[in-house]
């Protein structure tokens, strides 16, 4: 049976989305073992590195597929409506990872404030130091600037769809929507430019997570990855529930 671009894209996503639930269980077990003194920082670092290898592999596969079928990666039909509502040049914004760390550190610190005031050291995300916060803030500023540049370039590519030579086709008096050679060439060029932006955005997502992990301690990094994967799974589940309620995935 012939393998179409759609099937390859669907298979790539299905393989990726099957990982978070398994990884989440592994990350939670690691946190339990670490709290009991049965898992070292070196072990936690190796686990984090393995998760990042999975992320890198997924980005590599997406890069190849996106250049074959660019538009699909901007409006993926394998995601539900809720997931698609949060897309930014592909999946979520890189800055969302940073916002998640800020949110988690605030939640953890609030829950352990009494212990902290009594002199206890907090080693998890609630114990992020001032130096760490400063580095995270710098990373957030850099990431926001990069996102703005990429968003501007994407807007230009979208605006091109109403420009020449497409406007000549739209201006013809007949009902024929056939593209001329110039329009076909422009459409392919625009598509490849969009695929390159998806590739660049994926690289930014990967680099942002890597930079965050460098700032965090091994325990904090594992907590961050666990929360990130649980959030991914929850959004997918909530979105599927909404799609079902609105009849979007009815068989």
C-alpha atoms as a PDB file:
ATOM      1  CA  UNK A   1       0.000   0.000   0.000  1.00  0.00           C
ATOM      2  CA  UNK A   2       1.295   3.425  -0.934  1.00  0.00           C
ATOM      3  CA  UNK A   3       2.375   5.637   1.932  1.00  0.00           C
ATOM      4  CA  UNK A   4       1.112   9.172   1.354  1.00  0.00           C
ATOM      5  CA  UNK A   5       2.497  12.371   2.856  1.00  0.00           C
ATOM      6  CA  UNK A   6      -0.593  12.507   5.072  1.00  0.00           C
ATOM      7  CA  UNK A   7       0.014   9.019   6.447  1.00  0.00           C
ATOM      8  CA  UNK A   8       3.687   9.762   7.101  1.00  0.00           C
ATOM      9  CA  UNK A   9       2.760  12.997   8.895  1.00  0.00           C
ATOM     10  CA  UNK A  10       0.073  11.247  10.948  1.00  0.00           C
ATOM     11  CA  UNK A  11       2.445   8.415  11.856  1.00  0.00           C
ATOM     12  CA  UNK A  12       5.157  10.891  12.909  1.00  0.00           C
ATOM     13  CA  UNK A  13       2.709  12.698  15.210  1.00  0.00           C
ATOM     14  CA  UNK A  14       1.189   9.474  16.595  1.00  0.00           C
ATOM     15  CA  UNK A  15       4.639   8.164  17.504  1.00  0.00           C
ATOM     16  CA  UNK A  16       5.483  11.453  19.208  1.00  0.00           C
ATOM     17  CA  UNK A  17       2.228  11.852  21.146  1.00  0.00           C
ATOM     18  CA  UNK A  18       2.484   8.261  22.435  1.00  0.00           C
ATOM     19  CA  UNK A  19       5.690   9.177  24.292  1.00  0.00           C
ATOM     20  CA  UNK A  20       4.542  11.802  26.860  1.00  0.00           C
ATOM     21  CA  UNK A  21       2.390   9.401  28.894  1.00  0.00           C
ATOM     22  CA  UNK A  22       5.240   6.896  29.173  1.00  0.00           C
ATOM     23  CA  UNK A  23       7.770   9.652  29.836  1.00  0.00           C
ATOM     24  CA  UNK A  24       5.537  11.263  32.468  1.00  0.00           C
ATOM     25  CA  UNK A  25       5.391   8.001  34.407  1.00  0.00           C
ATOM     26  CA  UNK A  26       9.173   7.667  34.185  1.00  0.00           C
ATOM     27  CA  UNK A  27       9.748  11.260  35.290  1.00  0.00           C
ATOM     28  CA  UNK A  28       7.409  10.926  38.263  1.00  0.00           C
ATOM     29  CA  UNK A  29       9.100   7.713  39.340  1.00  0.00           C
ATOM     30  CA  UNK A  30      12.463   9.456  39.109  1.00  0.00           C
ATOM     31  CA  UNK A  31      11.222  12.276  41.354  1.00  0.00           C
ATOM     32  CA  UNK A  32      10.014   9.750  43.925  1.00  0.00           C
ATOM     33  CA  UNK A  33      13.314   7.881  43.890  1.00  0.00           C
ATOM     34  CA  UNK A  34      15.223  11.171  44.108  1.00  0.00           C
ATOM     35  CA  UNK A  35      13.228  12.290  47.154  1.00  0.00           C
ATOM     36  CA  UNK A  36      14.061   8.966  48.805  1.00  0.00           C
ATOM     37  CA  UNK A  37      17.756   9.392  48.045  1.00  0.00           C
ATOM     38  CA  UNK A  38      17.755   6.451  45.600  1.00  0.00           C
ATOM     39  CA  UNK A  39      18.452   8.450  42.449  1.00  0.00           C
ATOM     40  CA  UNK A  40      21.377  10.815  42.000  1.00  0.00           C
ATOM     41  CA  UNK A  41      21.556  14.112  40.136  1.00  0.00           C
ATOM     42  CA  UNK A  42      23.639  12.344  37.490  1.00  0.00           C
ATOM     43  CA  UNK A  43      20.829   9.807  36.991  1.00  0.00           C
ATOM     44  CA  UNK A  44      18.280  12.609  36.703  1.00  0.00           C
ATOM     45  CA  UNK A  45      20.461  14.397  34.153  1.00  0.00           C
ATOM     46  CA  UNK A  46      20.726  11.239  32.046  1.00  0.00           C
ATOM     47  CA  UNK A  47      16.932  10.918  32.120  1.00  0.00           C
ATOM     48  CA  UNK A  48      16.477  14.545  31.050  1.00  0.00           C
ATOM     49  CA  UNK A  49      19.001  14.044  28.234  1.00  0.00           C
ATOM     50  CA  UNK A  50      17.021  11.033  27.009  1.00  0.00           C
ATOM     51  CA  UNK A  51      13.810  13.090  26.904  1.00  0.00           C
ATOM     52  CA  UNK A  52      15.592  15.832  24.971  1.00  0.00           C
ATOM     53  CA  UNK A  53      16.874  13.259  22.474  1.00  0.00           C
ATOM     54  CA  UNK A  54      13.248  12.278  21.842  1.00  0.00           C
ATOM     55  CA  UNK A  55      12.355  15.941  21.269  1.00  0.00           C
ATOM     56  CA  UNK A  56      15.299  16.383  18.887  1.00  0.00           C
ATOM     57  CA  UNK A  57      14.316  13.265  16.932  1.00  0.00           C
ATOM     58  CA  UNK A  58      10.745  14.534  16.539  1.00  0.00           C
ATOM     59  CA  UNK A  59      11.949  17.931  15.296  1.00  0.00           C
ATOM     60  CA  UNK A  60      14.266  16.234  12.786  1.00  0.00           C
ATOM     61  CA  UNK A  61      11.402  14.153  11.386  1.00  0.00           C
ATOM     62  CA  UNK A  62       9.098  17.179  11.223  1.00  0.00           C
ATOM     63  CA  UNK A  63      11.739  19.159   9.334  1.00  0.00           C
ATOM     64  CA  UNK A  64      11.859  16.613   6.518  1.00  0.00           C
ATOM     65  CA  UNK A  65       8.095  16.223   6.293  1.00  0.00           C
ATOM     66  CA  UNK A  66       7.335  19.945   6.524  1.00  0.00           C
ATOM     67  CA  UNK A  67       9.322  20.691   3.369  1.00  0.00           C
ATOM     68  CA  UNK A  68       7.228  18.120   1.499  1.00  0.00           C
ATOM     69  CA  UNK A  69       3.864  19.459   2.671  1.00  0.00           C
ATOM     70  CA  UNK A  70       4.369  22.895   4.324  1.00  0.00           C
ATOM     71  CA  UNK A  71       0.770  24.060   4.838  1.00  0.00           C
ATOM     72  CA  UNK A  72      -0.147  20.974   6.863  1.00  0.00           C
ATOM     73  CA  UNK A  73       2.295  21.914   9.610  1.00  0.00           C
ATOM     74  CA  UNK A  74       0.646  25.293  10.097  1.00  0.00           C
ATOM     75  CA  UNK A  75      -2.862  23.794  10.312  1.00  0.00           C
ATOM     76  CA  UNK A  76      -2.295  20.158  11.348  1.00  0.00           C
ATOM     77  CA  UNK A  77      -5.380  17.978  10.981  1.00  0.00           C
ATOM     78  CA  UNK A  78      -4.031  15.542  13.592  1.00  0.00           C
ATOM     79  CA  UNK A  79      -4.633  18.126  16.359  1.00  0.00           C
ATOM     80  CA  UNK A  80      -8.017  18.937  17.878  1.00  0.00           C
ATOM     81  CA  UNK A  81      -9.550  22.420  17.793  1.00  0.00           C
ATOM     82  CA  UNK A  82      -8.265  23.390  21.244  1.00  0.00           C
ATOM     83  CA  UNK A  83      -4.720  22.351  20.353  1.00  0.00           C
ATOM     84  CA  UNK A  84      -4.897  24.236  17.058  1.00  0.00           C
ATOM     85  CA  UNK A  85      -6.110  27.378  18.817  1.00  0.00           C
ATOM     86  CA  UNK A  86      -2.755  27.617  20.618  1.00  0.00           C
ATOM     87  CA  UNK A  87      -0.490  26.984  17.641  1.00  0.00           C
ATOM     88  CA  UNK A  88       2.325  29.335  16.707  1.00  0.00           C
ATOM     89  CA  UNK A  89       4.205  28.463  13.500  1.00  0.00           C
ATOM     90  CA  UNK A  90       3.540  24.834  14.352  1.00  0.00           C
ATOM     91  CA  UNK A  91       3.141  23.811  18.053  1.00  0.00           C
ATOM     92  CA  UNK A  92       3.079  26.196  21.003  1.00  0.00           C
ATOM     93  CA  UNK A  93       5.247  29.259  21.477  1.00  0.00           C
ATOM     94  CA  UNK A  94       8.731  28.708  22.923  1.00  0.00           C
ATOM     95  CA  UNK A  95       7.973  31.387  25.519  1.00  0.00           C
ATOM     96  CA  UNK A  96       5.176  29.166  26.880  1.00  0.00           C
ATOM     97  CA  UNK A  97       7.814  26.871  28.353  1.00  0.00           C
ATOM     98  CA  UNK A  98       9.277  29.813  30.258  1.00  0.00           C
ATOM     99  CA  UNK A  99       5.858  30.971  31.462  1.00  0.00           C
ATOM    100  CA  UNK A 100       5.222  27.441  32.727  1.00  0.00           C
ATOM    101  CA  UNK A 101       8.409  27.535  34.826  1.00  0.00           C
ATOM    102  CA  UNK A 102       7.365  30.889  36.299  1.00  0.00           C
ATOM    103  CA  UNK A 103       3.892  29.548  37.110  1.00  0.00           C
ATOM    104  CA  UNK A 104       5.202  26.338  38.641  1.00  0.00           C
ATOM    105  CA  UNK A 105       7.806  28.101  40.766  1.00  0.00           C
ATOM    106  CA  UNK A 106       5.105  30.409  42.128  1.00  0.00           C
ATOM    107  CA  UNK A 107       2.769  27.514  42.918  1.00  0.00           C
ATOM    108  CA  UNK A 108       5.477  25.459  44.596  1.00  0.00           C
ATOM    109  CA  UNK A 109       6.794  28.375  46.631  1.00  0.00           C
ATOM    110  CA  UNK A 110       3.310  29.298  47.841  1.00  0.00           C
ATOM    111  CA  UNK A 111       2.650  25.728  48.996  1.00  0.00           C
ATOM    112  CA  UNK A 112       5.975  25.591  50.894  1.00  0.00           C
ATOM    113  CA  UNK A 113       6.154  29.145  52.187  1.00  0.00           C
ATOM    114  CA  UNK A 114       5.806  28.084  55.836  1.00  0.00           C
ATOM    115  CA  UNK A 115       8.722  25.647  55.509  1.00  0.00           C
ATOM    116  CA  UNK A 116      10.861  28.311  53.838  1.00  0.00           C
ATOM    117  CA  UNK A 117      10.133  30.867  56.566  1.00  0.00           C
ATOM    118  CA  UNK A 118      11.201  28.299  59.145  1.00  0.00           C
ATOM    119  CA  UNK A 119      14.590  28.024  57.459  1.00  0.00           C
ATOM    120  CA  UNK A 120      14.063  24.936  55.314  1.00  0.00           C
ATOM    121  CA  UNK A 121      15.871  24.723  51.976  1.00  0.00           C
ATOM    122  CA  UNK A 122      13.575  24.242  48.981  1.00  0.00           C
ATOM    123  CA  UNK A 123      15.204  22.235  46.204  1.00  0.00           C
ATOM    124  CA  UNK A 124      12.295  21.979  43.759  1.00  0.00           C
ATOM    125  CA  UNK A 125      10.826  24.627  41.436  1.00  0.00           C
ATOM    126  CA  UNK A 126       9.653  26.595  44.446  1.00  0.00           C
ATOM    127  CA  UNK A 127      13.291  27.029  45.399  1.00  0.00           C
ATOM    128  CA  UNK A 128      14.436  28.810  42.236  1.00  0.00           C
ATOM    129  CA  UNK A 129      17.176  31.244  43.232  1.00  0.00           C
ATOM    130  CA  UNK A 130      17.532  34.887  42.349  1.00  0.00           C
ATOM    131  CA  UNK A 131      20.385  34.045  39.981  1.00  0.00           C
ATOM    132  CA  UNK A 132      18.195  31.485  38.230  1.00  0.00           C
ATOM    133  CA  UNK A 133      15.302  33.932  37.960  1.00  0.00           C
ATOM    134  CA  UNK A 134      17.613  36.513  36.410  1.00  0.00           C
ATOM    135  CA  UNK A 135      18.826  34.034  33.798  1.00  0.00           C
ATOM    136  CA  UNK A 136      15.267  32.917  33.054  1.00  0.00           C
ATOM    137  CA  UNK A 137      14.220  36.552  32.628  1.00  0.00           C
ATOM    138  CA  UNK A 138      17.061  37.124  30.148  1.00  0.00           C
ATOM    139  CA  UNK A 139      16.041  33.996  28.244  1.00  0.00           C
ATOM    140  CA  UNK A 140      12.428  35.171  28.166  1.00  0.00           C
ATOM    141  CA  UNK A 141      13.399  38.572  26.731  1.00  0.00           C
ATOM    142  CA  UNK A 142      15.553  36.950  24.045  1.00  0.00           C
ATOM    143  CA  UNK A 143      12.831  34.426  23.197  1.00  0.00           C
ATOM    144  CA  UNK A 144      10.143  37.115  22.943  1.00  0.00           C
ATOM    145  CA  UNK A 145      12.300  39.089  20.496  1.00  0.00           C
ATOM    146  CA  UNK A 146      12.865  36.004  18.366  1.00  0.00           C
ATOM    147  CA  UNK A 147       9.156  35.207  18.374  1.00  0.00           C
ATOM    148  CA  UNK A 148       8.303  38.727  17.221  1.00  0.00           C
ATOM    149  CA  UNK A 149      10.757  38.461  14.302  1.00  0.00           C
ATOM    150  CA  UNK A 150       9.369  35.087  13.240  1.00  0.00           C
ATOM    151  CA  UNK A 151       5.767  36.303  13.579  1.00  0.00           C
ATOM    152  CA  UNK A 152       6.579  39.282  11.368  1.00  0.00           C
ATOM    153  CA  UNK A 153       8.090  37.045   8.705  1.00  0.00           C
ATOM    154  CA  UNK A 154       5.071  34.733   8.819  1.00  0.00           C
ATOM    155  CA  UNK A 155       2.737  37.720   8.421  1.00  0.00           C
ATOM    156  CA  UNK A 156       4.661  38.779   5.316  1.00  0.00           C
ATOM    157  CA  UNK A 157       4.296  35.302   3.793  1.00  0.00           C
ATOM    158  CA  UNK A 158       0.565  35.303   4.539  1.00  0.00           C
ATOM    159  CA  UNK A 159       0.185  38.749   2.965  1.00  0.00           C
ATOM    160  CA  UNK A 160       1.945  37.475  -0.150  1.00  0.00           C
ATOM    161  CA  UNK A 161      -1.060  35.220  -0.832  1.00  0.00           C
ATOM    162  CA  UNK A 162      -3.050  38.302  -1.883  1.00  0.00           C
ATOM    163  CA  UNK A 163      -0.224  39.812  -3.903  1.00  0.00           C
ATOM    164  CA  UNK A 164       1.020  39.322  -7.461  1.00  0.00           C
ATOM    165  CA  UNK A 165       0.987  36.928  -9.247  1.00  0.00           C
ATOM    166  CA  UNK A 166      -2.024  35.479  -7.361  1.00  0.00           C
ATOM    167  CA  UNK A 167      -3.976  38.704  -7.819  1.00  0.00           C
ATOM    168  CA  UNK A 168      -3.817  38.239 -11.612  1.00  0.00           C
ATOM    169  CA  UNK A 169      -5.575  34.871 -11.299  1.00  0.00           C
ATOM    170  CA  UNK A 170      -8.243  36.369  -9.017  1.00  0.00           C
ATOM    171  CA  UNK A 171      -8.796  39.240 -11.437  1.00  0.00           C
ATOM    172  CA  UNK A 172      -9.685  37.014 -14.403  1.00  0.00           C
ATOM    173  CA  UNK A 173     -13.359  37.336 -15.427  1.00  0.00           C
ATOM    174  CA  UNK A 174     -13.924  33.563 -15.869  1.00  0.00           C
ATOM    175  CA  UNK A 175     -14.586  30.937 -13.172  1.00  0.00           C
ATOM    176  CA  UNK A 176     -11.317  29.131 -13.873  1.00  0.00           C
ATOM    177  CA  UNK A 177      -8.954  28.963 -10.862  1.00  0.00           C
ATOM    178  CA  UNK A 178      -6.054  27.384 -12.722  1.00  0.00           C
ATOM    179  CA  UNK A 179      -2.708  28.838 -11.704  1.00  0.00           C
ATOM    180  CA  UNK A 180      -0.364  30.123 -14.352  1.00  0.00           C
ATOM    181  CA  UNK A 181       3.326  29.230 -14.282  1.00  0.00           C
ATOM    182  CA  UNK A 182       4.259  32.345 -12.321  1.00  0.00           C
ATOM    183  CA  UNK A 183       1.599  31.647  -9.698  1.00  0.00           C
ATOM    184  CA  UNK A 184       2.632  27.979  -9.369  1.00  0.00           C
ATOM    185  CA  UNK A 185       6.261  28.994  -8.879  1.00  0.00           C
ATOM    186  CA  UNK A 186       5.273  31.667  -6.349  1.00  0.00           C
ATOM    187  CA  UNK A 187       3.079  29.198  -4.448  1.00  0.00           C
ATOM    188  CA  UNK A 188       5.926  26.684  -4.189  1.00  0.00           C
ATOM    189  CA  UNK A 189       8.371  29.379  -3.114  1.00  0.00           C
ATOM    190  CA  UNK A 190       5.947  30.662  -0.477  1.00  0.00           C
ATOM    191  CA  UNK A 191       5.369  27.123   0.786  1.00  0.00           C
ATOM    192  CA  UNK A 192       9.075  26.394   1.148  1.00  0.00           C
ATOM    193  CA  UNK A 193       9.562  29.684   2.980  1.00  0.00           C
ATOM    194  CA  UNK A 194       6.784  28.665   5.393  1.00  0.00           C
ATOM    195  CA  UNK A 195       8.390  25.243   5.880  1.00  0.00           C
ATOM    196  CA  UNK A 196      11.671  26.965   6.732  1.00  0.00           C
ATOM    197  CA  UNK A 197       9.861  29.073   9.326  1.00  0.00           C
ATOM    198  CA  UNK A 198       8.336  25.944  10.878  1.00  0.00           C
ATOM    199  CA  UNK A 199      11.835  24.447  11.018  1.00  0.00           C
ATOM    200  CA  UNK A 200      13.213  27.604  12.610  1.00  0.00           C
ATOM    201  CA  UNK A 201      10.356  27.743  15.132  1.00  0.00           C
ATOM    202  CA  UNK A 202      10.924  24.088  16.072  1.00  0.00           C
ATOM    203  CA  UNK A 203      14.622  24.810  16.584  1.00  0.00           C
ATOM    204  CA  UNK A 204      13.690  27.766  18.791  1.00  0.00           C
ATOM    205  CA  UNK A 205      11.356  25.571  20.859  1.00  0.00           C
ATOM    206  CA  UNK A 206      14.070  22.952  21.297  1.00  0.00           C
ATOM    207  CA  UNK A 207      16.761  25.521  22.121  1.00  0.00           C
ATOM    208  CA  UNK A 208      14.503  27.270  24.647  1.00  0.00           C
ATOM    209  CA  UNK A 209      13.874  24.040  26.553  1.00  0.00           C
ATOM    210  CA  UNK A 210      17.602  23.217  26.457  1.00  0.00           C
ATOM    211  CA  UNK A 211      18.468  26.665  27.836  1.00  0.00           C
ATOM    212  CA  UNK A 212      15.880  26.318  30.597  1.00  0.00           C
ATOM    213  CA  UNK A 213      17.265  22.928  31.593  1.00  0.00           C
ATOM    214  CA  UNK A 214      20.766  24.413  31.828  1.00  0.00           C
ATOM    215  CA  UNK A 215      19.438  27.008  34.278  1.00  0.00           C
ATOM    216  CA  UNK A 216      17.451  24.558  36.400  1.00  0.00           C
ATOM    217  CA  UNK A 217      18.868  21.967  38.785  1.00  0.00           C
ATOM    218  CA  UNK A 218      18.411  18.296  37.750  1.00  0.00           C
ATOM    219  CA  UNK A 219      15.411  17.908  40.089  1.00  0.00           C
ATOM    220  CA  UNK A 220      13.844  21.135  38.832  1.00  0.00           C
ATOM    221  CA  UNK A 221      14.428  20.078  35.217  1.00  0.00           C
ATOM    222  CA  UNK A 222      12.653  16.762  35.797  1.00  0.00           C
ATOM    223  CA  UNK A 223       9.751  18.572  37.500  1.00  0.00           C
ATOM    224  CA  UNK A 224       9.501  21.025  34.608  1.00  0.00           C
ATOM    225  CA  UNK A 225       9.482  18.263  31.974  1.00  0.00           C
ATOM    226  CA  UNK A 226       6.903  16.269  33.930  1.00  0.00           C
ATOM    227  CA  UNK A 227       4.602  19.297  34.207  1.00  0.00           C
ATOM    228  CA  UNK A 228       5.108  20.176  30.550  1.00  0.00           C
ATOM    229  CA  UNK A 229       4.189  16.672  29.403  1.00  0.00           C
ATOM    230  CA  UNK A 230       1.161  16.502  31.693  1.00  0.00           C
ATOM    231  CA  UNK A 231      -0.056  19.862  30.361  1.00  0.00           C
ATOM    232  CA  UNK A 232       0.372  18.601  26.786  1.00  0.00           C
ATOM    233  CA  UNK A 233      -1.682  15.493  27.562  1.00  0.00           C
ATOM    234  CA  UNK A 234      -4.363  17.462  29.420  1.00  0.00           C
ATOM    235  CA  UNK A 235      -4.838  19.967  26.592  1.00  0.00           C
ATOM    236  CA  UNK A 236      -5.179  17.096  24.139  1.00  0.00           C
ATOM    237  CA  UNK A 237      -7.721  15.364  26.373  1.00  0.00           C
ATOM    238  CA  UNK A 238      -9.702  18.558  27.009  1.00  0.00           C
ATOM    239  CA  UNK A 239      -9.692  19.348  23.275  1.00  0.00           C
ATOM    240  CA  UNK A 240     -10.914  15.872  22.322  1.00  0.00           C
ATOM    241  CA  UNK A 241     -13.699  16.207  24.873  1.00  0.00           C
ATOM    242  CA  UNK A 242     -14.734  19.559  23.393  1.00  0.00           C
ATOM    243  CA  UNK A 243     -14.591  18.179  19.848  1.00  0.00           C
ATOM    244  CA  UNK A 244     -16.853  15.320  20.916  1.00  0.00           C
ATOM    245  CA  UNK A 245     -19.297  17.682  22.627  1.00  0.00           C
ATOM    246  CA  UNK A 246     -19.543  19.792  19.469  1.00  0.00           C
ATOM    247  CA  UNK A 247     -19.744  16.824  17.121  1.00  0.00           C
ATOM    248  CA  UNK A 248     -16.445  17.505  15.390  1.00  0.00           C
ATOM    249  CA  UNK A 249     -15.106  13.977  15.792  1.00  0.00           C
ATOM    250  CA  UNK A 250     -18.337  12.075  15.396  1.00  0.00           C
ATOM    251  CA  UNK A 251     -17.913   8.849  13.414  1.00  0.00           C
END
